[in-house]
C-alpha atoms as a PDB file:
ATOM      1  CA  MET A   1     -78.768 -21.039 -18.951  1.00  0.00           C
ATOM      2  CA  GLN A   2     -76.985 -23.850 -20.102  1.00  0.00           C
ATOM      3  CA  ALA A   3     -75.188 -21.334 -23.026  1.00  0.00           C
ATOM      4  CA  LYS A   4     -74.848 -18.684 -20.805  1.00  0.00           C
ATOM      5  CA  ARG A   5     -73.129 -21.379 -18.248  1.00  0.00           C
ATOM      6  CA  GLY A   6     -70.635 -22.843 -21.048  1.00  0.00           C
ATOM      7  CA  TYR A   7     -69.458 -19.681 -22.090  1.00  0.00           C
ATOM      8  CA  ARG A   8     -68.572 -19.254 -18.240  1.00  0.00           C
ATOM      9  CA  ASP A   9     -66.921 -22.288 -18.550  1.00  0.00           C
ATOM     10  CA  ARG A  10     -65.163 -21.425 -21.231  1.00  0.00           C
ATOM     11  CA  ALA A  11     -64.037 -17.873 -19.949  1.00  0.00           C
ATOM     12  CA  GLY A  12     -62.746 -19.398 -16.295  1.00  0.00           C
ATOM     13  CA  SER A  13     -60.739 -22.063 -18.674  1.00  0.00           C
ATOM     14  CA  HIS A  14     -59.220 -19.026 -20.672  1.00  0.00           C
ATOM     15  CA  GLN A  15     -58.782 -17.703 -18.009  1.00  0.00           C
ATOM     16  CA  ARG A  16     -56.926 -20.510 -15.772  1.00  0.00           C
ATOM     17  CA  THR A  17     -54.894 -20.420 -19.124  1.00  0.00           C
ATOM     18  CA  TRP A  18     -53.658 -16.772 -19.177  1.00  0.00           C
ATOM     19  CA  THR A  19     -52.931 -17.279 -15.592  1.00  0.00           C
ATOM     20  CA  VAL A  20     -50.479 -20.801 -16.339  1.00  0.00           C
ATOM     21  CA  LEU A  21     -48.700 -19.288 -19.483  1.00  0.00           C
ATOM     22  CA  LEU A  22     -48.292 -15.674 -17.567  1.00  0.00           C
ATOM     23  CA  LEU A  23     -46.063 -18.114 -14.502  1.00  0.00           C
ATOM     24  CA  LEU A  24     -44.280 -19.923 -17.005  1.00  0.00           C
ATOM     25  CA  LEU A  25     -43.465 -16.639 -18.284  1.00  0.00           C
ATOM     26  CA  TRP A  26     -42.682 -15.048 -15.181  1.00  0.00           C
ATOM     27  CA  ALA A  27     -40.488 -18.583 -14.025  1.00  0.00           C
ATOM     28  CA  MET A  28     -38.544 -18.178 -17.281  1.00  0.00           C
ATOM     29  CA  ASN A  29     -37.914 -14.123 -16.400  1.00  0.00           C
ATOM     30  CA  ALA A  30     -36.268 -15.144 -13.187  1.00  0.00           C
ATOM     31  CA  PHE A  31     -34.246 -18.453 -14.347  1.00  0.00           C
ATOM     32  CA  THR A  32     -33.380 -15.324 -17.163  1.00  0.00           C
ATOM     33  CA  MET A  33     -32.392 -13.087 -14.375  1.00  0.00           C
ATOM     34  CA  ALA A  34     -30.580 -15.718 -12.312  1.00  0.00           C
ATOM     35  CA  GLY A  35     -28.348 -16.940 -15.047  1.00  0.00           C
ATOM     36  CA  THR A  36     -27.650 -13.186 -15.490  1.00  0.00           C
ATOM     37  CA  LEU A  37     -26.890 -12.806 -12.123  1.00  0.00           C
ATOM     38  CA  TYR A  38     -24.979 -15.400 -11.039  1.00  0.00           C
ATOM     39  CA  GLY A  39     -24.143 -17.349 -14.794  1.00  0.00           C
ATOM     40  CA  GLU A  40     -25.645 -20.889 -16.227  1.00  0.00           C
ATOM     41  CA  ASP A  41     -24.787 -23.291 -13.793  1.00  0.00           C
ATOM     42  CA  GLU A  42     -22.392 -21.254 -12.403  1.00  0.00           C
ATOM     43  CA  SER A  43     -20.224 -23.623  -9.524  1.00  0.00           C
ATOM     44  CA  PRO A  44     -21.784 -21.979  -6.418  1.00  0.00           C
ATOM     45  CA  GLY A  45     -17.838 -22.166  -4.744  1.00  0.00           C
ATOM     46  CA  TYR A  46     -16.319 -23.461  -2.129  1.00  0.00           C
ATOM     47  CA  ALA A  47     -15.192 -20.432   0.120  1.00  0.00           C
ATOM     48  CA  PHE A  48     -12.687 -21.906   3.609  1.00  0.00           C
ATOM     49  CA  ASP A  49     -11.079 -20.046   6.009  1.00  0.00           C
ATOM     50  CA  VAL A  50      -6.944 -20.164   6.974  1.00  0.00           C
ATOM     51  CA  THR A  51      -5.214 -19.694   9.976  1.00  0.00           C
ATOM     52  CA  ALA A  52      -2.146 -18.146   8.268  1.00  0.00           C
ATOM     53  CA  PRO A  53      -1.533 -14.836   6.885  1.00  0.00           C
ATOM     54  CA  GLU A  54      -2.530 -14.137   3.158  1.00  0.00           C
ATOM     55  CA  SER A  55       1.372 -13.599   1.496  1.00  0.00           C
ATOM     56  CA  GLU A  56       1.968 -17.401   2.589  1.00  0.00           C
ATOM     57  CA  VAL A  57      -1.672 -18.408   1.558  1.00  0.00           C
ATOM     58  CA  ILE A  58      -0.509 -16.900  -1.865  1.00  0.00           C
ATOM     59  CA  ARG A  59       2.239 -18.998  -1.871  1.00  0.00           C
ATOM     60  CA  ILE A  60       0.870 -22.395  -1.105  1.00  0.00           C
ATOM     61  CA  VAL A  61      -2.113 -21.935  -3.389  1.00  0.00           C
ATOM     62  CA  ARG A  62       0.111 -20.822  -5.732  1.00  0.00           C
ATOM     63  CA  GLU A  63       1.790 -24.102  -5.784  1.00  0.00           C
ATOM     64  CA  VAL A  64      -1.528 -26.047  -5.466  1.00  0.00           C
ATOM     65  CA  ALA A  65      -2.696 -24.609  -8.517  1.00  0.00           C
ATOM     66  CA  ASN A  66       1.264 -25.534 -10.130  1.00  0.00           C
ATOM     67  CA  ASP A  67       0.839 -28.938  -9.656  1.00  0.00           C
ATOM     68  CA  ASP A  68      -0.594 -31.282 -12.166  1.00  0.00           C
ATOM     69  CA  ILE A  69      -3.285 -33.091 -10.235  1.00  0.00           C
ATOM     70  CA  VAL A  70      -6.579 -32.165  -9.994  1.00  0.00           C
ATOM     71  CA  ARG A  71      -7.925 -33.693  -6.846  1.00  0.00           C
ATOM     72  CA  GLY A  72     -11.980 -34.928  -6.275  1.00  0.00           C
ATOM     73  CA  THR A  73     -12.190 -36.276 -10.222  1.00  0.00           C
ATOM     74  CA  TYR A  74     -10.907 -38.821 -11.881  1.00  0.00           C
ATOM     75  CA  VAL A  75     -11.548 -40.671 -15.061  1.00  0.00           C
ATOM     76  CA  TYR A  76     -11.471 -44.279 -15.188  1.00  0.00           C
ATOM     77  CA  GLU A  77     -12.513 -46.479 -11.839  1.00  0.00           C
ATOM     78  CA  LYS A  78      -8.550 -48.289 -12.170  1.00  0.00           C
ATOM     79  CA  GLU A  79      -6.843 -44.787 -12.215  1.00  0.00           C
ATOM     80  CA  LYS A  80      -8.800 -42.453  -9.299  1.00  0.00           C
ATOM     81  CA  THR A  81      -5.619 -39.903 -10.098  1.00  0.00           C
ATOM     82  CA  LEU A  82      -6.470 -36.995 -12.221  1.00  0.00           C
ATOM     83  CA  SER A  83      -2.823 -35.883 -13.751  1.00  0.00           C
ATOM     84  CA  GLY A  84      -1.863 -33.509 -16.126  1.00  0.00           C
ATOM     85  CA  ALA A  85      -3.104 -30.657 -15.306  1.00  0.00           C
ATOM     86  CA  GLN A  86      -1.841 -27.118 -16.238  1.00  0.00           C
ATOM     87  CA  SER A  87      -1.833 -23.613 -14.384  1.00  0.00           C
ATOM     88  CA  ALA A  88      -2.195 -20.515 -16.254  1.00  0.00           C
ATOM     89  CA  ASP A  89      -3.313 -17.170 -15.718  1.00  0.00           C
ATOM     90  CA  SER A  90      -7.132 -17.001 -16.821  1.00  0.00           C
ATOM     91  CA  SER A  91      -9.897 -18.960 -18.494  1.00  0.00           C
ATOM     92  CA  SER A  92     -12.823 -18.385 -20.327  1.00  0.00           C
ATOM     93  CA  ALA A  93     -14.743 -20.499 -17.860  1.00  0.00           C
ATOM     94  CA  PHE A  94     -15.133 -17.919 -15.624  1.00  0.00           C
ATOM     95  CA  ALA A  95     -15.480 -14.573 -16.309  1.00  0.00           C
ATOM     96  CA  SER A  96     -13.305 -12.447 -14.872  1.00  0.00           C
ATOM     97  CA  TRP A  97     -12.741 -12.002 -11.796  1.00  0.00           C
ATOM     98  CA  GLN A  98     -13.532  -8.141 -10.628  1.00  0.00           C
ATOM     99  CA  GLY A  99     -13.403  -8.747  -7.041  1.00  0.00           C
ATOM    100  CA  PRO A 100     -10.271  -8.300  -4.224  1.00  0.00           C
ATOM    101  CA  GLY A 101      -7.302 -10.692  -3.612  1.00  0.00           C
ATOM    102  CA  HIS A 102      -5.696 -13.404  -5.974  1.00  0.00           C
ATOM    103  CA  VAL A 103      -6.978 -15.374  -8.226  1.00  0.00           C
ATOM    104  CA  PHE A 104      -4.711 -19.238  -9.773  1.00  0.00           C
ATOM    105  CA  TYR A 105      -6.155 -20.862 -12.384  1.00  0.00           C
ATOM    106  CA  LYS A 106      -5.415 -24.987 -12.925  1.00  0.00           C
ATOM    107  CA  ILE A 107      -7.393 -26.354 -16.215  1.00  0.00           C
ATOM    108  CA  ARG A 108      -7.076 -29.544 -17.339  1.00  0.00           C
ATOM    109  CA  THR A 109      -7.746 -30.823 -20.866  1.00  0.00           C
ATOM    110  CA  ASP A 110      -9.349 -33.799 -22.883  1.00  0.00           C
ATOM    111  CA  ALA A 111     -10.742 -35.326 -19.777  1.00  0.00           C
ATOM    112  CA  LEU A 112     -13.636 -37.472 -20.576  1.00  0.00           C
ATOM    113  CA  ALA A 113     -17.299 -37.607 -18.402  1.00  0.00           C
ATOM    114  CA  PRO A 114     -14.854 -36.511 -14.465  1.00  0.00           C
ATOM    115  CA  ARG A 115     -16.444 -38.188 -11.803  1.00  0.00           C
ATOM    116  CA  HIS A 116     -18.267 -36.182  -9.717  1.00  0.00           C
ATOM    117  CA  PHE A 117     -19.083 -33.133 -12.383  1.00  0.00           C
ATOM    118  CA  LYS A 118     -22.886 -33.154 -12.558  1.00  0.00           C
ATOM    119  CA  GLU A 119     -24.624 -35.121 -15.820  1.00  0.00           C
ATOM    120  CA  SER A 120     -20.790 -34.782 -17.303  1.00  0.00           C
ATOM    121  CA  SER A 121     -20.665 -37.482 -20.404  1.00  0.00           C
ATOM    122  CA  ASP A 122     -18.067 -36.498 -22.932  1.00  0.00           C
ATOM    123  CA  LEU A 123     -14.917 -34.592 -23.494  1.00  0.00           C
ATOM    124  CA  GLY A 124     -13.854 -31.714 -22.263  1.00  0.00           C
ATOM    125  CA  THR A 125     -11.816 -29.640 -19.773  1.00  0.00           C
ATOM    126  CA  ILE A 126     -12.479 -28.575 -16.153  1.00  0.00           C
ATOM    127  CA  THR A 127     -11.196 -25.834 -14.806  1.00  0.00           C
ATOM    128  CA  VAL A 128     -10.767 -25.090 -11.447  1.00  0.00           C
ATOM    129  CA  ARG A 129     -10.039 -21.194  -9.791  1.00  0.00           C
ATOM    130  CA  TYR A 130      -8.428 -20.649  -7.106  1.00  0.00           C
ATOM    131  CA  VAL A 131      -9.699 -17.201  -5.173  1.00  0.00           C
ATOM    132  CA  VAL A 132      -7.198 -16.095  -1.935  1.00  0.00           C
ATOM    133  CA  LEU A 133      -9.541 -13.291  -0.056  1.00  0.00           C
ATOM    134  CA  PRO A 134      -7.185 -11.921   2.674  1.00  0.00           C
ATOM    135  CA  GLU A 135      -9.863 -10.754   6.222  1.00  0.00           C
ATOM    136  CA  SER A 136      -7.293  -9.493   9.318  1.00  0.00           C
ATOM    137  CA  ALA A 137      -3.148 -10.178   9.441  1.00  0.00           C
ATOM    138  CA  THR A 138      -3.782 -13.514  10.223  1.00  0.00           C
ATOM    139  CA  ASN A 139      -6.842 -15.223   8.644  1.00  0.00           C
ATOM    140  CA  THR A 140      -7.246 -14.822   5.333  1.00  0.00           C
ATOM    141  CA  ARG A 141      -9.880 -16.603   2.918  1.00  0.00           C
ATOM    142  CA  VAL A 142     -10.009 -18.847   0.081  1.00  0.00           C
ATOM    143  CA  ARG A 143     -12.884 -19.293  -2.816  1.00  0.00           C
ATOM    144  CA  ILE A 144     -12.961 -22.290  -4.821  1.00  0.00           C
ATOM    145  CA  ASP A 145     -14.751 -23.508  -7.417  1.00  0.00           C
ATOM    146  CA  ALA A 146     -14.289 -26.443 -10.110  1.00  0.00           C
ATOM    147  CA  VAL A 147     -16.298 -26.635 -13.653  1.00  0.00           C
ATOM    148  CA  PHE A 148     -16.428 -29.096 -16.480  1.00  0.00           C
ATOM    149  CA  ILE A 149     -17.233 -27.426 -19.363  1.00  0.00           C
ATOM    150  CA  GLU A 150     -17.927 -30.296 -22.993  1.00  0.00           C
ATOM    151  CA  GLN A 151     -19.276 -28.890 -25.955  1.00  0.00           C
ATOM    152  CA  GLY A 152     -20.261 -25.563 -24.729  1.00  0.00           C
ATOM    153  CA  ARG A 153     -22.157 -27.274 -21.890  1.00  0.00           C
ATOM    154  CA  ARG A 154     -20.784 -26.673 -18.978  1.00  0.00           C
ATOM    155  CA  HIS A 155     -21.229 -29.249 -15.559  1.00  0.00           C
ATOM    156  CA  ILE A 156     -20.424 -27.824 -12.275  1.00  0.00           C
ATOM    157  CA  SER A 157     -18.352 -29.793  -9.702  1.00  0.00           C
ATOM    158  CA  ASP A 158     -20.765 -31.425  -6.889  1.00  0.00           C
ATOM    159  CA  GLY A 159     -18.258 -30.348  -3.895  1.00  0.00           C
ATOM    160  CA  SER A 160     -15.976 -32.712  -4.186  1.00  0.00           C
ATOM    161  CA  VAL A 161     -12.841 -31.150  -6.219  1.00  0.00           C
ATOM    162  CA  GLU A 162     -12.850 -28.043  -4.378  1.00  0.00           C
ATOM    163  CA  THR A 163     -13.216 -29.841  -0.997  1.00  0.00           C
ATOM    164  CA  ALA A 164     -10.455 -32.085  -2.218  1.00  0.00           C
ATOM    165  CA  GLU A 165      -7.850 -29.443  -3.376  1.00  0.00           C
ATOM    166  CA  TYR A 166      -8.311 -27.322   0.093  1.00  0.00           C
ATOM    167  CA  GLY A 167      -7.743 -30.671   1.487  1.00  0.00           C
ATOM    168  CA  ALA A 168      -4.126 -30.216  -0.096  1.00  0.00           C
ATOM    169  CA  ILE A 169      -4.238 -26.494   0.586  1.00  0.00           C
ATOM    170  CA  ARG A 170      -4.714 -27.144   4.095  1.00  0.00           C
ATOM    171  CA  GLU A 171      -2.365 -30.141   4.681  1.00  0.00           C
ATOM    172  CA  ALA A 172       0.072 -26.949   3.031  1.00  0.00           C
ATOM    173  CA  VAL A 173      -1.272 -25.019   5.992  1.00  0.00           C
ATOM    174  CA  GLU A 174      -0.986 -27.462   8.592  1.00  0.00           C
ATOM    175  CA  LYS A 175       3.020 -27.466   7.974  1.00  0.00           C
ATOM    176  CA  TYR A 176       3.679 -24.356   7.237  1.00  0.00           C
ATOM    177  CA  HIS A 177       2.329 -24.124  10.695  1.00  0.00           C
ATOM    178  CA  ARG A 178       4.512 -27.286  11.980  1.00  0.00           C
ATOM    179  CA  ASP A 179       7.354 -25.038  10.394  1.00  0.00           C
ATOM    180  CA  GLN A 180       6.713 -21.768  12.388  1.00  0.00           C
ATOM    181  CA  GLU A 181       6.992 -24.181  15.151  1.00  0.00           C
ATOM    182  CA  ASN A 182       9.908 -25.998  15.022  1.00  0.00           C
ATOM    183  CA  ALA A 183      11.344 -22.745  13.835  1.00  0.00           C
ATOM    184  CA  ALA A 184      10.759 -21.055  16.683  1.00  0.00           C
ATOM    185  CA  GLU A 185      11.677 -24.027  19.162  1.00  0.00           C
ATOM    186  CA  ALA A 186      14.965 -24.051  17.118  1.00  0.00           C
ATOM    187  CA  GLU A 187      15.602 -20.146  17.462  1.00  0.00           C
ATOM    188  CA  ALA A 188      14.382 -20.926  21.074  1.00  0.00           C
ATOM    189  CA  GLN A 189      17.275 -23.744  21.415  1.00  0.00           C
ATOM    190  CA  ARG A 190      19.391 -21.868  19.479  1.00  0.00           C
ATOM    191  CA  GLN A 191      19.042 -18.423  22.336  1.00  0.00           C
ATOM    192  CA  GLN A 192      19.958 -21.559  24.985  1.00  0.00           C
ATOM    193  CA  GLN A 193      22.672 -22.513  23.574  1.00  0.00           C
ATOM    194  CA  VAL A 194      23.942 -19.510  22.916  1.00  0.00           C
ATOM    195  CA  ALA A 195      23.224 -17.960  26.485  1.00  0.00           C
ATOM    196  CA  THR A 196      24.913 -21.023  27.750  1.00  0.00           C
ATOM    197  CA  ASP A 197      27.844 -20.556  25.695  1.00  0.00           C
ATOM    198  CA  LEU A 198      28.314 -17.502  26.944  1.00  0.00           C
ATOM    199  CA  GLN A 199      28.180 -18.549  29.993  1.00  0.00           C
ATOM    200  CA  ALA A 200      30.492 -20.977  29.352  1.00  0.00           C
ATOM    201  CA  ARG A 201      32.558 -18.755  28.184  1.00  0.00           C
ATOM    202  CA  GLN A 202      32.096 -16.151  31.100  1.00  0.00           C
ATOM    203  CA  ARG A 203      33.324 -19.100  33.706  1.00  0.00           C
ATOM    204  CA  GLN A 204      35.981 -19.880  31.105  1.00  0.00           C
ATOM    205  CA  GLN A 205      37.194 -16.019  31.362  1.00  0.00           C
ATOM    206  CA  GLU A 206      36.803 -15.841  34.832  1.00  0.00           C
ATOM    207  CA  ALA A 207      38.849 -19.183  35.910  1.00  0.00           C
ATOM    208  CA  ALA A 208      41.835 -17.057  33.268  1.00  0.00           C
ATOM    209  CA  ASN A 209      41.360 -14.157  34.899  1.00  0.00           C
ATOM    210  CA  LEU A 210      41.822 -15.809  38.828  1.00  0.00           C
ATOM    211  CA  ALA A 211      44.788 -17.910  37.448  1.00  0.00           C
ATOM    212  CA  ALA A 212      46.236 -14.764  35.665  1.00  0.00           C
ATOM    213  CA  ALA A 213      45.718 -13.085  38.953  1.00  0.00           C
ATOM    214  CA  GLU A 214      47.001 -16.133  40.981  1.00  0.00           C
ATOM    215  CA  ASP A 215      49.604 -16.817  38.229  1.00  0.00           C
ATOM    216  CA  SER A 216      50.558 -12.384  39.328  1.00  0.00           C
ATOM    217  CA  VAL A 217      50.234 -13.730  43.380  1.00  0.00           C
ATOM    218  CA  ARG A 218      52.317 -16.076  43.110  1.00  0.00           C
ATOM    219  CA  ASN A 219      54.996 -14.576  40.515  1.00  0.00           C
ATOM    220  CA  LEU A 220      55.351 -11.238  42.620  1.00  0.00           C
ATOM    221  CA  GLU A 221      55.834 -14.144  45.623  1.00  0.00           C
ATOM    222  CA  SER A 222      58.444 -15.306  43.861  1.00  0.00           C
ATOM    223  CA  ARG A 223      60.312 -11.659  43.008  1.00  0.00           C
ATOM    224  CA  LEU A 224      59.904 -11.273  46.585  1.00  0.00           C
ATOM    225  CA  HIS A 225      62.004 -13.861  47.671  1.00  0.00           C
ATOM    226  CA  ASP A 226      64.389 -12.975  45.141  1.00  0.00           C
ATOM    227  CA  LEU A 227      64.135  -9.518  46.443  1.00  0.00           C
ATOM    228  CA  GLN A 228      64.701 -11.302  50.250  1.00  0.00           C
ATOM    229  CA  GLN A 229      67.796 -13.587  48.173  1.00  0.00           C
ATOM    230  CA  ASP A 230      69.408  -9.779  47.024  1.00  0.00           C
ATOM    231  CA  LEU A 231      69.417  -8.143  50.018  1.00  0.00           C
ATOM    232  CA  GLU A 232      68.652 -10.161  53.119  1.00  0.00           C
ATOM    233  CA  ARG A 233      71.395 -11.649  54.625  1.00  0.00           C
ATOM    234  CA  GLN A 234      71.234 -14.558  58.195  1.00  0.00           C
ATOM    235  CA  VAL A 235      74.767 -14.187  61.176  1.00  0.00           C
ATOM    236  CA  LYS A 236      76.474 -16.872  60.594  1.00  0.00           C
ATOM    237  CA  PRO A 237      76.689 -19.838  63.388  1.00  0.00           C
ATOM    238  CA  GLY A 238      79.153 -17.857  66.057  1.00  0.00           C
ATOM    239  CA  GLY A 239      77.122 -14.475  66.075  1.00  0.00           C
ATOM    240  CA  ALA A 240      79.304 -11.376  64.738  1.00  0.00           C
ATOM    241  CA  ASP A 241      79.609  -7.816  65.864  1.00  0.00           C
ATOM    242  CA  LEU A 242      77.302  -4.769  64.371  1.00  0.00           C
ATOM    243  CA  LYS A 243      79.859  -2.374  64.087  1.00  0.00           C
ATOM    244  CA  SER A 244      79.623   1.626  63.345  1.00  0.00           C
ATOM    245  CA  ALA A 245      81.787   2.008  60.327  1.00  0.00           C
ATOM    246  CA  PRO A 246      83.263  -0.540  58.088  1.00  0.00           C
ATOM    247  CA  PHE A 247      87.100  -1.226  60.531  1.00  0.00           C
ATOM    248  CA  ARG A 248      87.312  -4.085  62.467  1.00  0.00           C
ATOM    249  CA  SER A 249      88.738  -1.028  64.730  1.00  0.00           C
ATOM    250  CA  ALA A 250      85.400   0.260  64.818  1.00  0.00           C
ATOM    251  CA  VAL A 251      82.799   0.461  68.002  1.00  0.00           C
ATOM    252  CA  ASN A 252      80.264  -2.432  68.783  1.00  0.00           C
ATOM    253  CA  LEU A 253      77.108  -1.729  68.776  1.00  0.00           C
ATOM    254  CA  LYS A 254      76.027  -5.133  69.969  1.00  0.00           C
ATOM    255  CA  SER A 255      76.374  -8.176  69.227  1.00  0.00           C
ATOM    256  CA  LEU A 256      73.887 -10.085  66.766  1.00  0.00           C
ATOM    257  CA  PRO A 257      73.728 -13.959  67.781  1.00  0.00           C
ATOM    258  CA  ALA A 258      73.497 -16.498  65.100  1.00  0.00           C
ATOM    259  CA  GLY A 259      70.848 -16.719  62.543  1.00  0.00           C
ATOM    260  CA  THR A 260      69.746 -13.052  62.743  1.00  0.00           C
ATOM    261  CA  GLN A 261      67.765 -11.709  59.784  1.00  0.00           C
ATOM    262  CA  VAL A 262      69.279  -8.535  58.489  1.00  0.00           C
ATOM    263  CA  LEU A 263      68.779  -5.971  55.555  1.00  0.00           C
ATOM    264  CA  ILE A 264      71.171  -4.680  53.017  1.00  0.00           C
ATOM    265  CA  VAL A 265      71.229  -1.294  52.606  1.00  0.00           C
ATOM    266  CA  ILE A 266      74.763  -0.232  50.980  1.00  0.00           C
ATOM    267  CA  VAL A 267      77.464  -2.731  49.743  1.00  0.00           C
ATOM    268  CA  THR A 268      81.181  -2.614  49.702  1.00  0.00           C
ATOM    269  CA  PRO A 269      83.906  -4.998  48.478  1.00  0.00           C
ATOM    270  CA  TYR A 270      83.871  -6.539  52.633  1.00  0.00           C
ATOM    271  CA  TRP A 271      81.428  -4.750  54.398  1.00  0.00           C
ATOM    272  CA  TYR A 272      78.060  -4.559  53.886  1.00  0.00           C
ATOM    273  CA  GLY A 273      75.656  -1.275  55.808  1.00  0.00           C
ATOM    274  CA  VAL A 274      73.080  -3.371  56.838  1.00  0.00           C
ATOM    275  CA  GLU A 275      69.526  -2.765  59.135  1.00  0.00           C
ATOM    276  CA  THR A 276      68.481  -5.190  61.968  1.00  0.00           C
ATOM    277  CA  PRO A 277      65.113  -5.896  62.884  1.00  0.00           C
ATOM    278  CA  GLU A 278      64.537  -3.441  65.525  1.00  0.00           C
ATOM    279  CA  GLY A 279      65.503  -1.179  63.039  1.00  0.00           C
ATOM    280  CA  GLN A 280      69.462   0.191  63.782  1.00  0.00           C
ATOM    281  CA  HIS A 281      71.894   0.328  61.504  1.00  0.00           C
ATOM    282  CA  GLY A 282      75.289  -0.807  61.524  1.00  0.00           C
ATOM    283  CA  TRP A 283      78.137  -2.485  59.598  1.00  0.00           C
ATOM    284  CA  LEU A 284      78.649  -6.522  59.117  1.00  0.00           C
ATOM    285  CA  ARG A 285      81.441  -7.868  57.458  1.00  0.00           C
ATOM    286  CA  LYS A 286      80.243 -10.244  54.144  1.00  0.00           C
ATOM    287  CA  ASP A 287      81.680 -13.194  55.988  1.00  0.00           C
ATOM    288  CA  ALA A 288      79.982 -12.883  59.190  1.00  0.00           C
ATOM    289  CA  VAL A 289      76.902 -13.282  57.431  1.00  0.00           C
ATOM    290  CA  GLU A 290      75.306 -16.000  54.289  1.00  0.00           C
ATOM    291  CA  ALA A 291      72.338 -16.260  52.020  1.00  0.00           C
ATOM    292  CA  LEU A 292      69.091 -16.921  53.610  1.00  0.00           C
ATOM    293  CA  PRO A 293      68.380 -20.566  53.244  1.00  0.00           C
END
């Protein structure tokens, strides 16, 4: 009985050993599959939605990728800004991007154990990848990944680099919106000024037209006065006889009192053929009338 029980114990122990080995093999296969799907120590990537058109976000991200600062990390405690980075069109730190959108890279070589990269301890290269993905006419998604590679070992960022780099993008986007608002306000002010100037010009034109009309009236009045001076006379003090013909011996049609205004219709060397205010025609000697005052 003891021999049989010992056999069963050994058999159970072997079975448990095989079970553990199988679990270990399954775990290793799962880890290998995960590495194949996601890449060993692949950055999880941080995605942010931006309220701005894709073309503007591409411009902003390109500018951030082209500056020489890697934000969110540093090498020395006394100098917490890591500069010296360069932009690139591609990088071996990441697999070739096969998805949609535009991709930019920023690379900083010879970085000594930069902060906020897990377990970094030696000299290596920091690579930041930016992916710009259009979502709609006014919304764009930005994905940022950051890794540090030293002697073939890959270290992912703890998120500090991605969020700090996005901070620079967000500030530029906010500036873009402020510039848009300022431009819209400036355009509205310009349009208002144009309308104000147009109204002022219209008022000036109306005033000029009115002044011209008033000048025209004055000119007409002046011309009329001149015509009256040329064509009208008044009887001198003492009165005068209105004759039927330009002769002293002609019949008197009527006597005109002093100040009677007459219209000259005929001029001879010594006589005026005139029309009285009542419409009667006759003749007056020139020396019997005088110009209107």
